[in-house]
Amino acid sequence: MDSDKRDAILEAARAMFSRLGFRKTSIDEVAQKAQVGKGTVYLAAESKEDLFYQVVEREIRRWQAEMSATIDPKRPAEETLRALAIRAEHHMNSHPLVRDLLCGEMRKVLPRWADRFDQLSAAGRQNIIEVLRIGIAQGRFRDDLDLPWVASVLQDLHIASLLLHPGESDVARMKRAQVGLDLILHGLRISERASS
């Protein structure tokens, strides 16, 4: 299968899954939207579940690449974490598949695929881990941090804020994120006594 046709199928599937969800989307609808035959869709994916996973994986990889553009090792790590949080917030609001993956919804929809979705969620934390490493190298964060665990906590707190305050204005959400991040950063930073 040529890459243009495969991209058309994955893009059509993304649009359908984003709008209707996994259960309400059919392979027939994806084929119609992609302007290909149903059999052609099955050349791109073994099953509806596989197609869904490929779409979600593609979305996470795109999100990760977009977020990595925010990372600048010359910038203070705290500022970069704030910028990542803001950018991630905007992205998740406009990309429901990324939001649903990170909020654990995919595990409910396809429990047999939970391990794969967990791996995608972990891939989504790689940018946070990179910023934590930069913060350690800059001497701004403690060097005894368990980076994957701290990244997971940061991501979970961000997601919890999204879930617990739906419909909150952008200004209020950003203020909440700022306060939460400031509290967390206090625990990440090297204390004044330790750095002297």
N, C-alpha and C. Protein backbone atom coordinates (compact mmCIF):
# COMPACT_ATOMS: atom_id res chain seq x y z
N MET A 1 0.85 -1.18 0.00
CA MET A 1 0.00 0.00 0.00
C MET A 1 0.89 1.24 0.00
N ASP A 2 0.56 2.19 -0.87
CA ASP A 2 1.38 3.40 -0.91
C ASP A 2 1.09 4.27 0.31
N SER A 3 2.08 5.10 0.64
CA SER A 3 1.99 5.88 1.88
C SER A 3 0.88 6.93 1.83
N ASP A 4 0.58 7.48 0.66
CA ASP A 4 -0.49 8.47 0.56
C ASP A 4 -1.85 7.85 0.90
N LYS A 5 -2.09 6.65 0.41
CA LYS A 5 -3.36 5.97 0.68
C LYS A 5 -3.45 5.61 2.16
N ARG A 6 -2.35 5.13 2.70
CA ARG A 6 -2.31 4.77 4.13
C ARG A 6 -2.56 6.02 4.99
N ASP A 7 -1.93 7.13 4.64
CA ASP A 7 -2.15 8.39 5.37
C ASP A 7 -3.61 8.82 5.29
N ALA A 8 -4.21 8.67 4.11
CA ALA A 8 -5.61 9.05 3.95
C ALA A 8 -6.51 8.20 4.85
N ILE A 9 -6.21 6.93 4.94
CA ILE A 9 -7.00 6.03 5.79
C ILE A 9 -6.83 6.41 7.26
N LEU A 10 -5.59 6.62 7.69
CA LEU A 10 -5.34 6.96 9.08
C LEU A 10 -5.95 8.32 9.44
N GLU A 11 -5.90 9.26 8.51
CA GLU A 11 -6.49 10.58 8.77
C GLU A 11 -8.01 10.49 8.84
N ALA A 12 -8.60 9.72 7.94
CA ALA A 12 -10.06 9.53 7.98
C ALA A 12 -10.46 8.84 9.29
N ALA A 13 -9.70 7.83 9.67
CA ALA A 13 -9.99 7.12 10.92
C ALA A 13 -9.84 8.04 12.12
N ARG A 14 -8.82 8.89 12.10
CA ARG A 14 -8.62 9.84 13.20
C ARG A 14 -9.83 10.76 13.34
N ALA A 15 -10.28 11.28 12.21
CA ALA A 15 -11.44 12.18 12.23
C ALA A 15 -12.68 11.47 12.76
N MET A 16 -12.91 10.26 12.32
CA MET A 16 -14.09 9.52 12.75
C MET A 16 -14.00 9.12 14.22
N PHE A 17 -12.86 8.58 14.64
CA PHE A 17 -12.71 8.18 16.04
C PHE A 17 -12.78 9.40 16.97
N SER A 18 -12.23 10.52 16.53
CA SER A 18 -12.26 11.73 17.35
C SER A 18 -13.69 12.24 17.52
N ARG A 19 -14.46 12.15 16.45
CA ARG A 19 -15.82 12.69 16.48
C ARG A 19 -16.82 11.71 17.10
N LEU A 20 -16.72 10.43 16.75
CA LEU A 20 -17.74 9.47 17.18
C LEU A 20 -17.29 8.52 18.28
N GLY A 21 -15.99 8.42 18.49
CA GLY A 21 -15.48 7.44 19.45
C GLY A 21 -15.26 6.10 18.78
N PHE A 22 -14.63 5.19 19.51
CA PHE A 22 -14.30 3.88 18.95
C PHE A 22 -15.54 3.06 18.62
N ARG A 23 -16.45 2.96 19.57
CA ARG A 23 -17.60 2.07 19.41
C ARG A 23 -18.53 2.49 18.27
N LYS A 24 -18.71 3.77 18.08
CA LYS A 24 -19.68 4.25 17.08
C LYS A 24 -19.08 4.40 15.68
N THR A 25 -17.78 4.25 15.57
CA THR A 25 -17.13 4.36 14.26
C THR A 25 -17.08 2.99 13.60
N SER A 26 -17.43 2.95 12.34
CA SER A 26 -17.36 1.68 11.60
C SER A 26 -16.26 1.76 10.54
N ILE A 27 -15.79 0.60 10.16
CA ILE A 27 -14.78 0.52 9.09
C ILE A 27 -15.38 1.04 7.79
N ASP A 28 -16.67 0.77 7.56
CA ASP A 28 -17.34 1.29 6.35
C ASP A 28 -17.26 2.81 6.29
N GLU A 29 -17.51 3.48 7.43
CA GLU A 29 -17.46 4.94 7.47
C GLU A 29 -16.04 5.45 7.22
N VAL A 30 -15.06 4.77 7.79
CA VAL A 30 -13.67 5.16 7.57
C VAL A 30 -13.32 5.02 6.09
N ALA A 31 -13.71 3.90 5.49
CA ALA A 31 -13.43 3.68 4.06
C ALA A 31 -14.10 4.75 3.21
N GLN A 32 -15.35 5.06 3.53
CA GLN A 32 -16.06 6.09 2.76
C GLN A 32 -15.37 7.44 2.89
N LYS A 33 -14.99 7.81 4.11
CA LYS A 33 -14.34 9.11 4.32
C LYS A 33 -12.98 9.16 3.63
N ALA A 34 -12.25 8.04 3.62
CA ALA A 34 -10.93 7.98 2.98
C ALA A 34 -11.03 7.78 1.47
N GLN A 35 -12.24 7.53 1.00
CA GLN A 35 -12.51 7.29 -0.42
C GLN A 35 -11.74 6.09 -0.95
N VAL A 36 -11.81 5.01 -0.14
CA VAL A 36 -11.20 3.73 -0.53
C VAL A 36 -12.22 2.63 -0.23
N GLY A 37 -11.95 1.46 -0.74
CA GLY A 37 -12.80 0.32 -0.43
C GLY A 37 -12.52 -0.20 0.98
N LYS A 38 -13.51 -0.89 1.54
CA LYS A 38 -13.37 -1.45 2.88
C LYS A 38 -12.17 -2.39 2.96
N GLY A 39 -11.95 -3.17 1.91
CA GLY A 39 -10.81 -4.09 1.88
C GLY A 39 -9.48 -3.36 1.96
N THR A 40 -9.43 -2.17 1.39
CA THR A 40 -8.20 -1.37 1.43
C THR A 40 -7.88 -0.95 2.86
N VAL A 41 -8.93 -0.64 3.63
CA VAL A 41 -8.72 -0.29 5.05
C VAL A 41 -8.09 -1.48 5.76
N TYR A 42 -8.55 -2.69 5.43
CA TYR A 42 -8.00 -3.88 6.08
C TYR A 42 -6.59 -4.22 5.60
N LEU A 43 -6.13 -3.59 4.53
CA LEU A 43 -4.73 -3.72 4.15
C LEU A 43 -3.85 -2.84 5.04
N ALA A 44 -4.43 -1.75 5.55
CA ALA A 44 -3.70 -0.84 6.43
C ALA A 44 -3.72 -1.30 7.88
N ALA A 45 -4.75 -2.04 8.26
CA ALA A 45 -4.90 -2.49 9.65
C ALA A 45 -5.61 -3.84 9.68
N GLU A 46 -5.20 -4.69 10.60
CA GLU A 46 -5.78 -6.03 10.70
C GLU A 46 -7.22 -6.02 11.17
N SER A 47 -7.57 -5.02 11.99
CA SER A 47 -8.89 -4.97 12.60
C SER A 47 -9.21 -3.52 12.95
N LYS A 48 -10.43 -3.29 13.37
CA LYS A 48 -10.83 -1.96 13.83
C LYS A 48 -9.98 -1.56 15.03
N GLU A 49 -9.71 -2.51 15.92
CA GLU A 49 -8.89 -2.24 17.10
C GLU A 49 -7.48 -1.82 16.70
N ASP A 50 -6.91 -2.54 15.74
CA ASP A 50 -5.56 -2.22 15.26
C ASP A 50 -5.54 -0.85 14.60
N LEU A 51 -6.57 -0.54 13.82
CA LEU A 51 -6.66 0.78 13.18
C LEU A 51 -6.72 1.88 14.25
N PHE A 52 -7.53 1.66 15.26
CA PHE A 52 -7.66 2.62 16.35
C PHE A 52 -6.31 2.83 17.04
N TYR A 53 -5.62 1.74 17.34
CA TYR A 53 -4.31 1.84 17.99
C TYR A 53 -3.33 2.62 17.11
N GLN A 54 -3.30 2.31 15.82
CA GLN A 54 -2.38 3.02 14.92
C GLN A 54 -2.67 4.52 14.89
N VAL A 55 -3.95 4.86 14.91
CA VAL A 55 -4.33 6.28 14.90
C VAL A 55 -3.87 6.95 16.19
N VAL A 56 -4.12 6.30 17.32
CA VAL A 56 -3.74 6.88 18.61
C VAL A 56 -2.21 6.99 18.70
N GLU A 57 -1.51 5.97 18.25
CA GLU A 57 -0.04 6.01 18.27
C GLU A 57 0.48 7.17 17.42
N ARG A 58 -0.10 7.35 16.28
CA ARG A 58 0.29 8.45 15.37
C ARG A 58 0.04 9.80 16.04
N GLU A 59 -1.11 9.94 16.70
CA GLU A 59 -1.44 11.18 17.38
C GLU A 59 -0.45 11.48 18.52
N ILE A 60 -0.09 10.45 19.28
CA ILE A 60 0.86 10.64 20.39
C ILE A 60 2.23 11.03 19.84
N ARG A 61 2.67 10.39 18.78
CA ARG A 61 3.98 10.73 18.19
C ARG A 61 3.99 12.17 17.68
N ARG A 62 2.90 12.60 17.07
CA ARG A 62 2.80 13.99 16.61
C ARG A 62 2.82 14.95 17.80
N TRP A 63 2.06 14.60 18.83
CA TRP A 63 2.00 15.44 20.04
C TRP A 63 3.39 15.55 20.67
N GLN A 64 4.06 14.42 20.78
CA GLN A 64 5.40 14.41 21.38
C GLN A 64 6.36 15.28 20.56
N ALA A 65 6.29 15.20 19.25
CA ALA A 65 7.16 16.03 18.40
C ALA A 65 6.83 17.51 18.57
N GLU A 66 5.54 17.83 18.64
CA GLU A 66 5.15 19.23 18.83
C GLU A 66 5.64 19.75 20.19
N MET A 67 5.50 18.94 21.21
CA MET A 67 5.93 19.35 22.55
C MET A 67 7.46 19.48 22.63
N SER A 68 8.17 18.63 21.91
CA SER A 68 9.64 18.69 21.98
C SER A 68 10.18 19.99 21.39
N ALA A 69 9.42 20.62 20.52
CA ALA A 69 9.84 21.90 19.96
C ALA A 69 9.89 23.00 21.02
N THR A 70 9.26 22.77 22.15
CA THR A 70 9.24 23.73 23.27
C THR A 70 10.53 23.67 24.09
N ILE A 71 11.22 22.56 24.00
CA ILE A 71 12.38 22.32 24.86
C ILE A 71 13.62 23.05 24.33
N ASP A 72 14.19 23.88 25.20
CA ASP A 72 15.42 24.60 24.89
C ASP A 72 16.33 24.48 26.11
N PRO A 73 17.45 23.76 25.99
CA PRO A 73 18.32 23.54 27.14
C PRO A 73 18.92 24.83 27.72
N LYS A 74 18.85 25.92 26.97
CA LYS A 74 19.39 27.19 27.46
C LYS A 74 18.38 27.94 28.33
N ARG A 75 17.16 27.57 28.25
CA ARG A 75 16.09 28.20 29.01
C ARG A 75 15.98 27.52 30.38
N PRO A 76 15.67 28.24 31.45
CA PRO A 76 15.51 27.60 32.76
C PRO A 76 14.45 26.50 32.69
N ALA A 77 14.74 25.36 33.29
CA ALA A 77 13.86 24.20 33.19
C ALA A 77 12.46 24.48 33.73
N GLU A 78 12.35 25.31 34.76
CA GLU A 78 11.03 25.65 35.29
C GLU A 78 10.17 26.32 34.23
N GLU A 79 10.77 27.25 33.50
CA GLU A 79 10.05 27.94 32.43
C GLU A 79 9.62 26.95 31.34
N THR A 80 10.49 26.02 31.04
CA THR A 80 10.17 25.02 30.01
C THR A 80 9.03 24.13 30.46
N LEU A 81 9.02 23.71 31.73
CA LEU A 81 7.91 22.90 32.23
C LEU A 81 6.60 23.67 32.13
N ARG A 82 6.62 24.93 32.47
CA ARG A 82 5.41 25.76 32.35
C ARG A 82 4.95 25.84 30.89
N ALA A 83 5.90 26.08 30.00
CA ALA A 83 5.56 26.18 28.57
C ALA A 83 5.01 24.85 28.06
N LEU A 84 5.59 23.74 28.49
CA LEU A 84 5.08 22.43 28.10
C LEU A 84 3.65 22.23 28.58
N ALA A 85 3.38 22.61 29.82
CA ALA A 85 2.03 22.44 30.38
C ALA A 85 1.01 23.25 29.60
N ILE A 86 1.35 24.48 29.26
CA ILE A 86 0.43 25.34 28.51
C ILE A 86 0.20 24.76 27.12
N ARG A 87 1.27 24.38 26.47
CA ARG A 87 1.15 23.84 25.11
C ARG A 87 0.38 22.52 25.11
N ALA A 88 0.64 21.68 26.11
CA ALA A 88 -0.07 20.40 26.21
C ALA A 88 -1.56 20.63 26.44
N GLU A 89 -1.87 21.61 27.25
CA GLU A 89 -3.27 21.95 27.54
C GLU A 89 -4.01 22.30 26.24
N HIS A 90 -3.43 23.16 25.45
CA HIS A 90 -4.06 23.55 24.19
C HIS A 90 -4.18 22.36 23.25
N HIS A 91 -3.15 21.54 23.19
CA HIS A 91 -3.16 20.39 22.29
C HIS A 91 -4.24 19.40 22.71
N MET A 92 -4.32 19.10 23.99
CA MET A 92 -5.30 18.11 24.45
C MET A 92 -6.73 18.61 24.24
N ASN A 93 -6.95 19.91 24.33
CA ASN A 93 -8.29 20.44 24.10
C ASN A 93 -8.72 20.27 22.65
N SER A 94 -7.77 20.27 21.73
CA SER A 94 -8.11 20.15 20.31
C SER A 94 -7.84 18.75 19.73
N HIS A 95 -7.29 17.86 20.54
CA HIS A 95 -7.00 16.49 20.09
C HIS A 95 -7.57 15.50 21.11
N PRO A 96 -8.84 15.16 20.96
CA PRO A 96 -9.49 14.31 21.96
C PRO A 96 -8.88 12.93 22.12
N LEU A 97 -8.26 12.39 21.09
CA LEU A 97 -7.66 11.06 21.23
C LEU A 97 -6.45 11.10 22.15
N VAL A 98 -5.66 12.16 22.08
CA VAL A 98 -4.52 12.32 22.99
C VAL A 98 -5.04 12.48 24.42
N ARG A 99 -6.01 13.37 24.57
CA ARG A 99 -6.59 13.59 25.91
C ARG A 99 -7.16 12.29 26.48
N ASP A 100 -7.93 11.55 25.68
CA ASP A 100 -8.54 10.32 26.17
C ASP A 100 -7.50 9.26 26.52
N LEU A 101 -6.43 9.19 25.73
CA LEU A 101 -5.36 8.25 26.06
C LEU A 101 -4.75 8.60 27.41
N LEU A 102 -4.36 9.86 27.58
CA LEU A 102 -3.69 10.27 28.80
C LEU A 102 -4.61 10.22 30.02
N CYS A 103 -5.91 10.34 29.80
CA CYS A 103 -6.88 10.27 30.90
C CYS A 103 -7.30 8.84 31.21
N GLY A 104 -6.77 7.87 30.48
CA GLY A 104 -7.06 6.47 30.76
C GLY A 104 -8.33 5.93 30.11
N GLU A 105 -8.96 6.72 29.27
CA GLU A 105 -10.21 6.27 28.64
C GLU A 105 -10.00 5.11 27.68
N MET A 106 -8.85 5.07 27.01
CA MET A 106 -8.59 4.01 26.03
C MET A 106 -8.55 2.63 26.71
N ARG A 107 -8.06 2.59 27.93
CA ARG A 107 -7.99 1.33 28.67
C ARG A 107 -9.40 0.77 28.90
N LYS A 108 -10.38 1.67 29.08
CA LYS A 108 -11.76 1.25 29.30
C LYS A 108 -12.39 0.75 28.00
N VAL A 109 -12.06 1.41 26.92
CA VAL A 109 -12.64 1.07 25.62
C VAL A 109 -12.10 -0.26 25.11
N LEU A 110 -10.79 -0.45 25.22
CA LEU A 110 -10.14 -1.67 24.74
C LEU A 110 -9.23 -2.24 25.84
N PRO A 111 -9.80 -2.88 26.86
CA PRO A 111 -8.99 -3.36 27.97
C PRO A 111 -7.88 -4.34 27.56
N ARG A 112 -8.11 -5.11 26.50
CA ARG A 112 -7.07 -6.05 26.06
C ARG A 112 -5.84 -5.33 25.51
N TRP A 113 -5.98 -4.08 25.14
CA TRP A 113 -4.90 -3.28 24.59
C TRP A 113 -4.29 -2.36 25.64
N ALA A 114 -4.67 -2.52 26.90
CA ALA A 114 -4.25 -1.60 27.97
C ALA A 114 -2.73 -1.46 28.05
N ASP A 115 -2.00 -2.56 27.93
CA ASP A 115 -0.53 -2.48 28.01
C ASP A 115 0.04 -1.60 26.90
N ARG A 116 -0.51 -1.75 25.72
CA ARG A 116 -0.03 -0.93 24.59
C ARG A 116 -0.34 0.55 24.82
N PHE A 117 -1.54 0.83 25.34
CA PHE A 117 -1.90 2.21 25.61
C PHE A 117 -1.04 2.79 26.73
N ASP A 118 -0.69 1.96 27.72
CA ASP A 118 0.20 2.42 28.78
C ASP A 118 1.57 2.78 28.22
N GLN A 119 2.05 2.03 27.25
CA GLN A 119 3.34 2.34 26.62
C GLN A 119 3.27 3.66 25.86
N LEU A 120 2.14 3.92 25.21
CA LEU A 120 1.98 5.20 24.52
C LEU A 120 1.94 6.36 25.51
N SER A 121 1.26 6.16 26.64
CA SER A 121 1.22 7.20 27.67
C SER A 121 2.63 7.48 28.19
N ALA A 122 3.41 6.41 28.38
CA ALA A 122 4.79 6.58 28.84
C ALA A 122 5.61 7.34 27.80
N ALA A 123 5.38 7.07 26.52
CA ALA A 123 6.09 7.80 25.47
C ALA A 123 5.74 9.29 25.53
N GLY A 124 4.50 9.59 25.92
CA GLY A 124 4.08 10.97 26.04
C GLY A 124 4.77 11.72 27.17
N ARG A 125 5.40 10.99 28.09
CA ARG A 125 6.12 11.63 29.21
C ARG A 125 7.59 11.88 28.92
N GLN A 126 8.08 11.45 27.79
CA GLN A 126 9.51 11.57 27.48
C GLN A 126 9.98 13.02 27.46
N ASN A 127 9.14 13.92 27.01
CA ASN A 127 9.53 15.34 26.98
C ASN A 127 9.68 15.89 28.40
N ILE A 128 8.80 15.47 29.29
CA ILE A 128 8.91 15.91 30.69
C ILE A 128 10.21 15.39 31.29
N ILE A 129 10.52 14.14 31.01
CA ILE A 129 11.76 13.54 31.52
C ILE A 129 12.96 14.32 31.00
N GLU A 130 12.93 14.69 29.73
CA GLU A 130 14.03 15.46 29.15
C GLU A 130 14.20 16.80 29.86
N VAL A 131 13.09 17.47 30.16
CA VAL A 131 13.17 18.76 30.84
C VAL A 131 13.69 18.57 32.27
N LEU A 132 13.29 17.50 32.93
CA LEU A 132 13.82 17.23 34.27
C LEU A 132 15.33 17.01 34.21
N ARG A 133 15.79 16.29 33.20
CA ARG A 133 17.25 16.08 33.03
C ARG A 133 17.96 17.41 32.82
N ILE A 134 17.36 18.26 32.01
CA ILE A 134 17.95 19.58 31.77
C ILE A 134 18.02 20.35 33.09
N GLY A 135 16.93 20.30 33.87
CA GLY A 135 16.91 21.00 35.16
C GLY A 135 17.99 20.49 36.10
N ILE A 136 18.25 19.20 36.07
CA ILE A 136 19.33 18.63 36.90
C ILE A 136 20.67 19.14 36.39
N ALA A 137 20.87 19.09 35.07
CA ALA A 137 22.13 19.56 34.48
C ALA A 137 22.35 21.05 34.75
N GLN A 138 21.28 21.82 34.80
CA GLN A 138 21.38 23.25 35.09
C GLN A 138 21.62 23.52 36.57
N GLY A 139 21.55 22.47 37.38
CA GLY A 139 21.70 22.64 38.83
C GLY A 139 20.46 23.26 39.47
N ARG A 140 19.33 23.17 38.80
CA ARG A 140 18.10 23.75 39.31
C ARG A 140 17.23 22.73 40.03
N PHE A 141 17.34 21.45 39.63
CA PHE A 141 16.54 20.38 40.22
C PHE A 141 17.46 19.40 40.95
N ARG A 142 16.90 18.75 41.92
CA ARG A 142 17.65 17.74 42.68
C ARG A 142 18.11 16.62 41.75
N ASP A 143 19.27 16.07 42.02
CA ASP A 143 19.78 15.01 41.15
C ASP A 143 19.37 13.61 41.61
N ASP A 144 18.58 13.51 42.68
CA ASP A 144 18.15 12.21 43.18
C ASP A 144 16.71 11.87 42.75
N LEU A 145 16.19 12.57 41.75
CA LEU A 145 14.81 12.35 41.30
C LEU A 145 14.69 11.05 40.52
N ASP A 146 13.61 10.34 40.75
CA ASP A 146 13.24 9.19 39.93
C ASP A 146 12.48 9.79 38.74
N LEU A 147 13.19 10.03 37.64
CA LEU A 147 12.65 10.81 36.54
C LEU A 147 11.34 10.26 35.96
N PRO A 148 11.24 8.95 35.65
CA PRO A 148 9.96 8.46 35.11
C PRO A 148 8.80 8.65 36.09
N TRP A 149 9.08 8.44 37.36
CA TRP A 149 8.02 8.57 38.36
C TRP A 149 7.59 10.03 38.50
N VAL A 150 8.55 10.95 38.58
CA VAL A 150 8.22 12.37 38.71
C VAL A 150 7.47 12.84 37.46
N ALA A 151 7.90 12.41 36.28
CA ALA A 151 7.20 12.79 35.05
C ALA A 151 5.77 12.27 35.06
N SER A 152 5.59 11.07 35.57
CA SER A 152 4.24 10.50 35.66
C SER A 152 3.37 11.31 36.62
N VAL A 153 3.92 11.71 37.75
CA VAL A 153 3.18 12.52 38.71
C VAL A 153 2.80 13.87 38.08
N LEU A 154 3.75 14.50 37.41
CA LEU A 154 3.47 15.79 36.77
C LEU A 154 2.36 15.65 35.73
N GLN A 155 2.44 14.61 34.93
CA GLN A 155 1.42 14.39 33.91
C GLN A 155 0.06 14.10 34.57
N ASP A 156 0.06 13.27 35.61
CA ASP A 156 -1.19 12.95 36.30
C ASP A 156 -1.84 14.19 36.92
N LEU A 157 -1.04 15.06 37.49
CA LEU A 157 -1.59 16.28 38.09
C LEU A 157 -2.20 17.18 37.01
N HIS A 158 -1.54 17.26 35.90
CA HIS A 158 -2.06 18.07 34.80
C HIS A 158 -3.38 17.51 34.30
N ILE A 159 -3.44 16.21 34.13
CA ILE A 159 -4.65 15.55 33.65
C ILE A 159 -5.77 15.68 34.68
N ALA A 160 -5.43 15.53 35.95
CA ALA A 160 -6.44 15.68 37.01
C ALA A 160 -7.06 17.06 36.97
N SER A 161 -6.26 18.06 36.73
CA SER A 161 -6.78 19.42 36.63
C SER A 161 -7.76 19.54 35.47
N LEU A 162 -7.45 18.91 34.35
CA LEU A 162 -8.37 18.93 33.20
C LEU A 162 -9.69 18.24 33.53
N LEU A 163 -9.60 17.10 34.20
CA LEU A 163 -10.79 16.32 34.50
C LEU A 163 -11.65 16.94 35.59
N LEU A 164 -11.00 17.51 36.58
CA LEU A 164 -11.73 18.04 37.72
C LEU A 164 -12.34 19.42 37.48
N HIS A 165 -11.86 20.10 36.46
CA HIS A 165 -12.34 21.45 36.20
C HIS A 165 -12.72 21.62 34.73
N PRO A 166 -13.64 20.78 34.24
CA PRO A 166 -14.03 20.92 32.82
C PRO A 166 -14.78 22.23 32.62
N GLY A 167 -14.58 22.81 31.48
CA GLY A 167 -15.27 24.04 31.16
C GLY A 167 -14.70 25.29 31.81
N GLU A 168 -13.63 25.11 32.58
CA GLU A 168 -13.00 26.26 33.22
C GLU A 168 -12.39 27.14 32.13
N SER A 169 -12.41 28.44 32.34
CA SER A 169 -11.84 29.35 31.35
C SER A 169 -10.35 29.09 31.19
N ASP A 170 -9.82 29.47 30.05
CA ASP A 170 -8.38 29.29 29.80
C ASP A 170 -7.56 30.04 30.85
N VAL A 171 -7.99 31.24 31.21
CA VAL A 171 -7.25 32.04 32.19
C VAL A 171 -7.23 31.34 33.55
N ALA A 172 -8.40 30.85 33.99
CA ALA A 172 -8.48 30.17 35.29
C ALA A 172 -7.68 28.87 35.27
N ARG A 173 -7.76 28.13 34.15
CA ARG A 173 -7.02 26.87 34.05
C ARG A 173 -5.52 27.11 34.07
N MET A 174 -5.07 28.15 33.37
CA MET A 174 -3.64 28.46 33.36
C MET A 174 -3.16 28.91 34.74
N LYS A 175 -3.99 29.66 35.43
CA LYS A 175 -3.63 30.09 36.79
C LYS A 175 -3.52 28.88 37.71
N ARG A 176 -4.48 27.97 37.61
CA ARG A 176 -4.46 26.75 38.42
C ARG A 176 -3.21 25.92 38.10
N ALA A 177 -2.90 25.80 36.81
CA ALA A 177 -1.71 25.05 36.40
C ALA A 177 -0.44 25.71 36.94
N GLN A 178 -0.40 27.02 36.92
CA GLN A 178 0.76 27.76 37.41
C GLN A 178 0.98 27.52 38.90
N VAL A 179 -0.09 27.62 39.67
CA VAL A 179 0.01 27.40 41.12
C VAL A 179 0.45 25.97 41.41
N GLY A 180 -0.18 25.01 40.73
CA GLY A 180 0.19 23.61 40.94
C GLY A 180 1.64 23.33 40.57
N LEU A 181 2.07 23.88 39.45
CA LEU A 181 3.45 23.67 39.02
C LEU A 181 4.42 24.33 39.98
N ASP A 182 4.08 25.51 40.48
CA ASP A 182 4.95 26.17 41.45
C ASP A 182 5.11 25.33 42.72
N LEU A 183 4.03 24.71 43.17
CA LEU A 183 4.11 23.84 44.35
C LEU A 183 5.02 22.64 44.09
N ILE A 184 4.86 22.06 42.91
CA ILE A 184 5.69 20.90 42.56
C ILE A 184 7.15 21.30 42.41
N LEU A 185 7.39 22.40 41.74
CA LEU A 185 8.76 22.84 41.51
C LEU A 185 9.49 23.09 42.82
N HIS A 186 8.78 23.51 43.82
CA HIS A 186 9.42 23.73 45.13
C HIS A 186 10.08 22.44 45.61
N GLY A 187 9.43 21.31 45.33
CA GLY A 187 10.01 20.02 45.72
C GLY A 187 11.10 19.53 44.79
N LEU A 188 11.15 20.04 43.57
CA LEU A 188 12.17 19.62 42.60
C LEU A 188 13.46 20.40 42.73
N ARG A 189 13.33 21.63 43.16
CA ARG A 189 14.49 22.51 43.22
C ARG A 189 15.47 22.08 44.30
N ILE A 190 16.71 22.42 44.07
CA ILE A 190 17.75 22.24 45.07
C ILE A 190 17.50 23.30 46.12
N SER A 191 17.53 22.90 47.39
CA SER A 191 17.27 23.89 48.44
C SER A 191 18.45 24.86 48.52
N GLU A 192 18.16 26.02 49.07
CA GLU A 192 19.18 27.07 49.21
C GLU A 192 20.39 26.55 50.00
N ARG A 193 20.12 25.80 51.06
CA ARG A 193 21.24 25.29 51.89
C ARG A 193 22.07 24.26 51.13
N ALA A 194 21.40 23.41 50.33
CA ALA A 194 22.12 22.36 49.61
C ALA A 194 23.00 22.93 48.51
N SER A 195 22.57 24.05 47.92
CA SER A 195 23.33 24.60 46.79
C SER A 195 24.48 25.49 47.24
N SER A 196 24.56 25.84 48.53
CA SER A 196 25.66 26.69 48.98
C SER A 196 26.78 25.92 49.60
